[in-house]
Each structure stands twice: as C-alpha cells, then as structure tokens.
C-alpha cells in the first residue's frame, strides 16, 4: 500500500484531484484517513487500478 494525498495521486496518474474526490464520495475509491495537513490519503495502487478499470471497455 502506497498512501498519497490527492495531489500526489494527480501527479502520478494525471487524474484531477476533483475527480478523485468524486470517486471517494461515490465509494469507488477508499480514503485511508488524512495527513498532518488534513488532506485525504488514498492508495496509489487503488487509484491506478480504478483508472485502468474505467478505461477498459465493457463488452455488450
């Protein structure tokens, strides 16, 4: 598990912090607490997996 704040996740993946917050709110991404500055922490591997899953087309 690699916990990062939303801005570090953005730097690593290119996904905007606002989108990441939306995914947390929808329950698609798990928040793992907050850092010392009050920023939400997420697992970078979970973010990458969710991006990959959303990029995969759904078979009809």
PDB file of N, CA and C in Angstrom:
ATOM      1  N   UNK A   1       0.850  -1.170   0.000  1.00  0.00           N
ATOM      2  CA  UNK A   1       0.000   0.000   0.000  1.00  0.00           C
ATOM      3  C   UNK A   1       0.896   1.233   0.000  1.00  0.00           C
ATOM      4  N   UNK A   2       0.621   2.131  -0.935  1.00  0.00           N
ATOM      5  CA  UNK A   2       1.366   3.382  -1.023  1.00  0.00           C
ATOM      6  C   UNK A   2       0.373   4.521  -0.836  1.00  0.00           C
ATOM      7  N   UNK A   3       0.314   5.083   0.375  1.00  0.00           N
ATOM      8  CA  UNK A   3      -0.635   6.148   0.649  1.00  0.00           C
ATOM      9  C   UNK A   3      -0.077   7.480   0.198  1.00  0.00           C
ATOM     10  N   UNK A   4      -0.882   8.207  -0.577  1.00  0.00           N
ATOM     11  CA  UNK A   4      -0.506   9.528  -1.073  1.00  0.00           C
ATOM     12  C   UNK A   4      -1.718  10.446  -0.966  1.00  0.00           C
ATOM     13  N   UNK A   5      -1.468  11.762  -0.949  1.00  0.00           N
ATOM     14  CA  UNK A   5      -2.596  12.686  -0.979  1.00  0.00           C
ATOM     15  C   UNK A   5      -3.099  12.807  -2.416  1.00  0.00           C
ATOM     16  N   UNK A   6      -4.205  13.480  -2.604  1.00  0.00           N
ATOM     17  CA  UNK A   6      -4.825  13.550  -3.921  1.00  0.00           C
ATOM     18  C   UNK A   6      -3.967  14.286  -4.941  1.00  0.00           C
ATOM     19  N   UNK A   7      -3.152  15.229  -4.472  1.00  0.00           N
ATOM     20  CA  UNK A   7      -2.301  15.979  -5.400  1.00  0.00           C
ATOM     21  C   UNK A   7      -1.126  15.128  -5.876  1.00  0.00           C
ATOM     22  N   UNK A   8      -0.600  14.282  -4.999  1.00  0.00           N
ATOM     23  CA  UNK A   8       0.459  13.353  -5.407  1.00  0.00           C
ATOM     24  C   UNK A   8      -0.119  12.293  -6.348  1.00  0.00           C
ATOM     25  N   UNK A   9      -1.345  11.851  -6.072  1.00  0.00           N
ATOM     26  CA  UNK A   9      -2.005  10.892  -6.964  1.00  0.00           C
ATOM     27  C   UNK A   9      -2.222  11.528  -8.332  1.00  0.00           C
ATOM     28  N   UNK A  10      -2.573  12.802  -8.348  1.00  0.00           N
ATOM     29  CA  UNK A  10      -2.734  13.523  -9.610  1.00  0.00           C
ATOM     30  C   UNK A  10      -1.418  13.580 -10.373  1.00  0.00           C
ATOM     31  N   UNK A  11      -0.328  13.891  -9.676  1.00  0.00           N
ATOM     32  CA  UNK A  11       0.986  13.972 -10.317  1.00  0.00           C
ATOM     33  C   UNK A  11       1.407  12.619 -10.894  1.00  0.00           C
ATOM     34  N   UNK A  12       1.040  11.542 -10.211  1.00  0.00           N
ATOM     35  CA  UNK A  12       1.449  10.207 -10.650  1.00  0.00           C
ATOM     36  C   UNK A  12       0.580   9.659 -11.779  1.00  0.00           C
ATOM     37  N   UNK A  13      -0.696  10.069 -11.812  1.00  0.00           N
ATOM     38  CA  UNK A  13      -1.622   9.452 -12.765  1.00  0.00           C
ATOM     39  C   UNK A  13      -2.208  10.420 -13.794  1.00  0.00           C
ATOM     40  N   UNK A  14      -2.176  11.702 -13.495  1.00  0.00           N
ATOM     41  CA  UNK A  14      -2.781  12.682 -14.386  1.00  0.00           C
ATOM     42  C   UNK A  14      -4.272  12.878 -14.147  1.00  0.00           C
ATOM     43  N   UNK A  15      -4.848  12.120 -13.222  1.00  0.00           N
ATOM     44  CA  UNK A  15      -6.272  12.247 -12.908  1.00  0.00           C
ATOM     45  C   UNK A  15      -6.450  13.430 -11.957  1.00  0.00           C
ATOM     46  N   UNK A  16      -7.423  14.289 -12.216  1.00  0.00           N
ATOM     47  CA  UNK A  16      -7.572  15.504 -11.415  1.00  0.00           C
ATOM     48  C   UNK A  16      -7.989  15.178  -9.979  1.00  0.00           C
ATOM     49  N   UNK A  17      -7.535  16.010  -9.020  1.00  0.00           N
ATOM     50  CA  UNK A  17      -7.949  15.808  -7.632  1.00  0.00           C
ATOM     51  C   UNK A  17      -9.467  15.866  -7.463  1.00  0.00           C
ATOM     52  N   UNK A  18     -10.140  16.708  -8.249  1.00  0.00           N
ATOM     53  CA  UNK A  18     -11.604  16.792  -8.147  1.00  0.00           C
ATOM     54  C   UNK A  18     -12.257  15.471  -8.533  1.00  0.00           C
ATOM     55  N   UNK A  19     -11.755  14.830  -9.569  1.00  0.00           N
ATOM     56  CA  UNK A  19     -12.293  13.527  -9.981  1.00  0.00           C
ATOM     57  C   UNK A  19     -12.031  12.488  -8.896  1.00  0.00           C
ATOM     58  N   UNK A  20     -10.848  12.519  -8.309  1.00  0.00           N
ATOM     59  CA  UNK A  20     -10.526  11.572  -7.240  1.00  0.00           C
ATOM     60  C   UNK A  20     -11.456  11.778  -6.048  1.00  0.00           C
ATOM     61  N   UNK A  21     -11.757  13.039  -5.704  1.00  0.00           N
ATOM     62  CA  UNK A  21     -12.684  13.314  -4.617  1.00  0.00           C
ATOM     63  C   UNK A  21     -14.078  12.766  -4.940  1.00  0.00           C
ATOM     64  N   UNK A  22     -14.488  12.907  -6.194  1.00  0.00           N
ATOM     65  CA  UNK A  22     -15.782  12.381  -6.626  1.00  0.00           C
ATOM     66  C   UNK A  22     -15.822  10.872  -6.467  1.00  0.00           C
ATOM     67  N   UNK A  23     -14.753  10.205  -6.878  1.00  0.00           N
ATOM     68  CA  UNK A  23     -14.701   8.745  -6.746  1.00  0.00           C
ATOM     69  C   UNK A  23     -14.756   8.321  -5.282  1.00  0.00           C
ATOM     70  N   UNK A  24     -14.120   9.085  -4.392  1.00  0.00           N
ATOM     71  CA  UNK A  24     -14.202   8.795  -2.955  1.00  0.00           C
ATOM     72  C   UNK A  24     -15.645   8.956  -2.494  1.00  0.00           C
ATOM     73  N   UNK A  25     -16.271  10.051  -2.893  1.00  0.00           N
ATOM     74  CA  UNK A  25     -17.656  10.330  -2.490  1.00  0.00           C
ATOM     75  C   UNK A  25     -18.613   9.237  -2.981  1.00  0.00           C
ATOM     76  N   UNK A  26     -18.385   8.730  -4.181  1.00  0.00           N
ATOM     77  CA  UNK A  26     -19.238   7.673  -4.749  1.00  0.00           C
ATOM     78  C   UNK A  26     -18.938   6.294  -4.186  1.00  0.00           C
ATOM     79  N   UNK A  27     -17.845   6.166  -3.434  1.00  0.00           N
ATOM     80  CA  UNK A  27     -17.472   4.871  -2.874  1.00  0.00           C
ATOM     81  C   UNK A  27     -16.651   4.013  -3.815  1.00  0.00           C
ATOM     82  N   UNK A  28     -16.204   4.591  -4.928  1.00  0.00           N
ATOM     83  CA  UNK A  28     -15.386   3.842  -5.883  1.00  0.00           C
ATOM     84  C   UNK A  28     -13.927   3.779  -5.442  1.00  0.00           C
ATOM     85  N   UNK A  29     -13.536   4.687  -4.570  1.00  0.00           N
ATOM     86  CA  UNK A  29     -12.163   4.786  -4.092  1.00  0.00           C
ATOM     87  C   UNK A  29     -12.215   4.966  -2.582  1.00  0.00           C
ATOM     88  N   UNK A  30     -11.343   4.274  -1.865  1.00  0.00           N
ATOM     89  CA  UNK A  30     -11.340   4.325  -0.408  1.00  0.00           C
ATOM     90  C   UNK A  30     -10.363   5.367   0.105  1.00  0.00           C
ATOM     91  N   UNK A  31     -10.855   6.211   1.003  1.00  0.00           N
ATOM     92  CA  UNK A  31      -9.990   7.170   1.683  1.00  0.00           C
ATOM     93  C   UNK A  31      -9.392   6.470   2.898  1.00  0.00           C
ATOM     94  N   UNK A  32      -8.085   6.593   3.062  1.00  0.00           N
ATOM     95  CA  UNK A  32      -7.384   5.946   4.174  1.00  0.00           C
ATOM     96  C   UNK A  32      -6.921   6.985   5.183  1.00  0.00           C
ATOM     97  N   UNK A  33      -7.836   7.820   5.637  1.00  0.00           N
ATOM     98  CA  UNK A  33      -7.517   8.835   6.622  1.00  0.00           C
ATOM     99  C   UNK A  33      -7.014  10.121   5.990  1.00  0.00           C
ATOM    100  N   UNK A  34      -6.335  10.912   6.830  1.00  0.00           N
ATOM    101  CA  UNK A  34      -5.848  12.222   6.413  1.00  0.00           C
ATOM    102  C   UNK A  34      -4.398  12.385   6.834  1.00  0.00           C
ATOM    103  N   UNK A  35      -3.665  13.229   6.104  1.00  0.00           N
ATOM    104  CA  UNK A  35      -2.292  13.512   6.508  1.00  0.00           C
ATOM    105  C   UNK A  35      -2.290  14.633   7.554  1.00  0.00           C
ATOM    106  N   UNK A  36      -1.112  15.068   7.966  1.00  0.00           N
ATOM    107  CA  UNK A  36      -0.979  16.084   9.010  1.00  0.00           C
ATOM    108  C   UNK A  36      -1.590  17.426   8.597  1.00  0.00           C
ATOM    109  N   UNK A  37      -1.717  17.653   7.295  1.00  0.00           N
ATOM    110  CA  UNK A  37      -2.294  18.904   6.798  1.00  0.00           C
ATOM    111  C   UNK A  37      -3.788  18.785   6.504  1.00  0.00           C
ATOM    112  N   UNK A  38      -4.370  17.641   6.817  1.00  0.00           N
ATOM    113  CA  UNK A  38      -5.802  17.440   6.628  1.00  0.00           C
ATOM    114  C   UNK A  38      -6.204  17.009   5.229  1.00  0.00           C
ATOM    115  N   UNK A  39      -5.231  16.601   4.412  1.00  0.00           N
ATOM    116  CA  UNK A  39      -5.529  16.160   3.051  1.00  0.00           C
ATOM    117  C   UNK A  39      -5.862  14.675   3.057  1.00  0.00           C
ATOM    118  N   UNK A  40      -6.863  14.307   2.258  1.00  0.00           N
ATOM    119  CA  UNK A  40      -7.286  12.908   2.163  1.00  0.00           C
ATOM    120  C   UNK A  40      -6.150  12.065   1.589  1.00  0.00           C
ATOM    121  N   UNK A  41      -6.005  10.854   2.117  1.00  0.00           N
ATOM    122  CA  UNK A  41      -4.998   9.911   1.638  1.00  0.00           C
ATOM    123  C   UNK A  41      -5.679   8.745   0.935  1.00  0.00           C
ATOM    124  N   UNK A  42      -5.118   8.359  -0.205  1.00  0.00           N
ATOM    125  CA  UNK A  42      -5.613   7.215  -0.967  1.00  0.00           C
ATOM    126  C   UNK A  42      -4.430   6.320  -1.308  1.00  0.00           C
ATOM    127  N   UNK A  43      -4.737   5.062  -1.595  1.00  0.00           N
ATOM    128  CA  UNK A  43      -3.706   4.115  -2.012  1.00  0.00           C
ATOM    129  C   UNK A  43      -3.461   4.329  -3.506  1.00  0.00           C
ATOM    130  N   UNK A  44      -2.237   4.653  -3.876  1.00  0.00           N
ATOM    131  CA  UNK A  44      -1.904   4.926  -5.267  1.00  0.00           C
ATOM    132  C   UNK A  44      -2.216   3.732  -6.159  1.00  0.00           C
ATOM    133  N   UNK A  45      -2.009   2.531  -5.653  1.00  0.00           N
ATOM    134  CA  UNK A  45      -2.292   1.322  -6.439  1.00  0.00           C
ATOM    135  C   UNK A  45      -3.797   1.198  -6.727  1.00  0.00           C
ATOM    136  N   UNK A  46      -4.633   1.579  -5.746  1.00  0.00           N
ATOM    137  CA  UNK A  46      -6.084   1.565  -5.960  1.00  0.00           C
ATOM    138  C   UNK A  46      -6.487   2.582  -7.023  1.00  0.00           C
ATOM    139  N   UNK A  47      -5.860   3.748  -6.998  1.00  0.00           N
ATOM    140  CA  UNK A  47      -6.163   4.781  -7.997  1.00  0.00           C
ATOM    141  C   UNK A  47      -5.809   4.276  -9.388  1.00  0.00           C
ATOM    142  N   UNK A  48      -4.631   3.698  -9.520  1.00  0.00           N
ATOM    143  CA  UNK A  48      -4.195   3.186 -10.828  1.00  0.00           C
ATOM    144  C   UNK A  48      -5.106   2.066 -11.306  1.00  0.00           C
ATOM    145  N   UNK A  49      -5.520   1.185 -10.413  1.00  0.00           N
ATOM    146  CA  UNK A  49      -6.408   0.077 -10.789  1.00  0.00           C
ATOM    147  C   UNK A  49      -7.778   0.599 -11.214  1.00  0.00           C
ATOM    148  N   UNK A  50      -8.288   1.610 -10.521  1.00  0.00           N
ATOM    149  CA  UNK A  50      -9.591   2.172 -10.872  1.00  0.00           C
ATOM    150  C   UNK A  50      -9.528   2.870 -12.228  1.00  0.00           C
ATOM    151  N   UNK A  51      -8.468   3.600 -12.489  1.00  0.00           N
ATOM    152  CA  UNK A  51      -8.291   4.243 -13.799  1.00  0.00           C
ATOM    153  C   UNK A  51      -8.250   3.194 -14.898  1.00  0.00           C
ATOM    154  N   UNK A  52      -7.518   2.117 -14.675  1.00  0.00           N
ATOM    155  CA  UNK A  52      -7.426   1.043 -15.673  1.00  0.00           C
ATOM    156  C   UNK A  52      -8.792   0.389 -15.890  1.00  0.00           C
ATOM    157  N   UNK A  53      -9.540   0.169 -14.807  1.00  0.00           N
ATOM    158  CA  UNK A  53     -10.857  -0.453 -14.928  1.00  0.00           C
ATOM    159  C   UNK A  53     -11.823   0.437 -15.692  1.00  0.00           C
ATOM    160  N   UNK A  54     -11.751   1.732 -15.475  1.00  0.00           N
ATOM    161  CA  UNK A  54     -12.643   2.667 -16.179  1.00  0.00           C
ATOM    162  C   UNK A  54     -12.261   2.803 -17.637  1.00  0.00           C
ATOM    163  N   UNK A  55     -11.002   2.537 -17.973  1.00  0.00           N
ATOM    164  CA  UNK A  55     -10.542   2.648 -19.357  1.00  0.00           C
ATOM    165  C   UNK A  55     -10.877   1.406 -20.177  1.00  0.00           C
ATOM    166  N   UNK A  56     -11.148   0.295 -19.494  1.00  0.00           N
ATOM    167  CA  UNK A  56     -11.463  -0.956 -20.169  1.00  0.00           C
ATOM    168  C   UNK A  56     -12.897  -0.926 -20.668  1.00  0.00           C
ATOM    169  N   UNK A  57     -13.103  -1.123 -21.978  1.00  0.00           N
ATOM    170  CA  UNK A  57     -14.476  -1.117 -22.498  1.00  0.00           C
ATOM    171  C   UNK A  57     -15.277  -2.305 -21.977  1.00  0.00           C
ATOM    172  N   UNK A  58     -16.539  -2.066 -21.756  1.00  0.00           N
ATOM    173  CA  UNK A  58     -17.435  -3.111 -21.261  1.00  0.00           C
ATOM    174  C   UNK A  58     -18.007  -3.851 -22.464  1.00  0.00           C
ATOM    175  N   UNK A  59     -17.885  -5.174 -22.443  1.00  0.00           N
ATOM    176  CA  UNK A  59     -18.406  -5.997 -23.541  1.00  0.00           C
ATOM    177  C   UNK A  59     -19.936  -6.010 -23.484  1.00  0.00           C
ATOM    178  N   UNK A  60     -20.563  -5.898 -24.626  1.00  0.00           N
ATOM    179  CA  UNK A  60     -22.045  -5.876 -24.665  1.00  0.00           C
ATOM    180  C   UNK A  60     -22.619  -7.272 -24.774  1.00  0.00           C
TER     181      UNK A  60
END
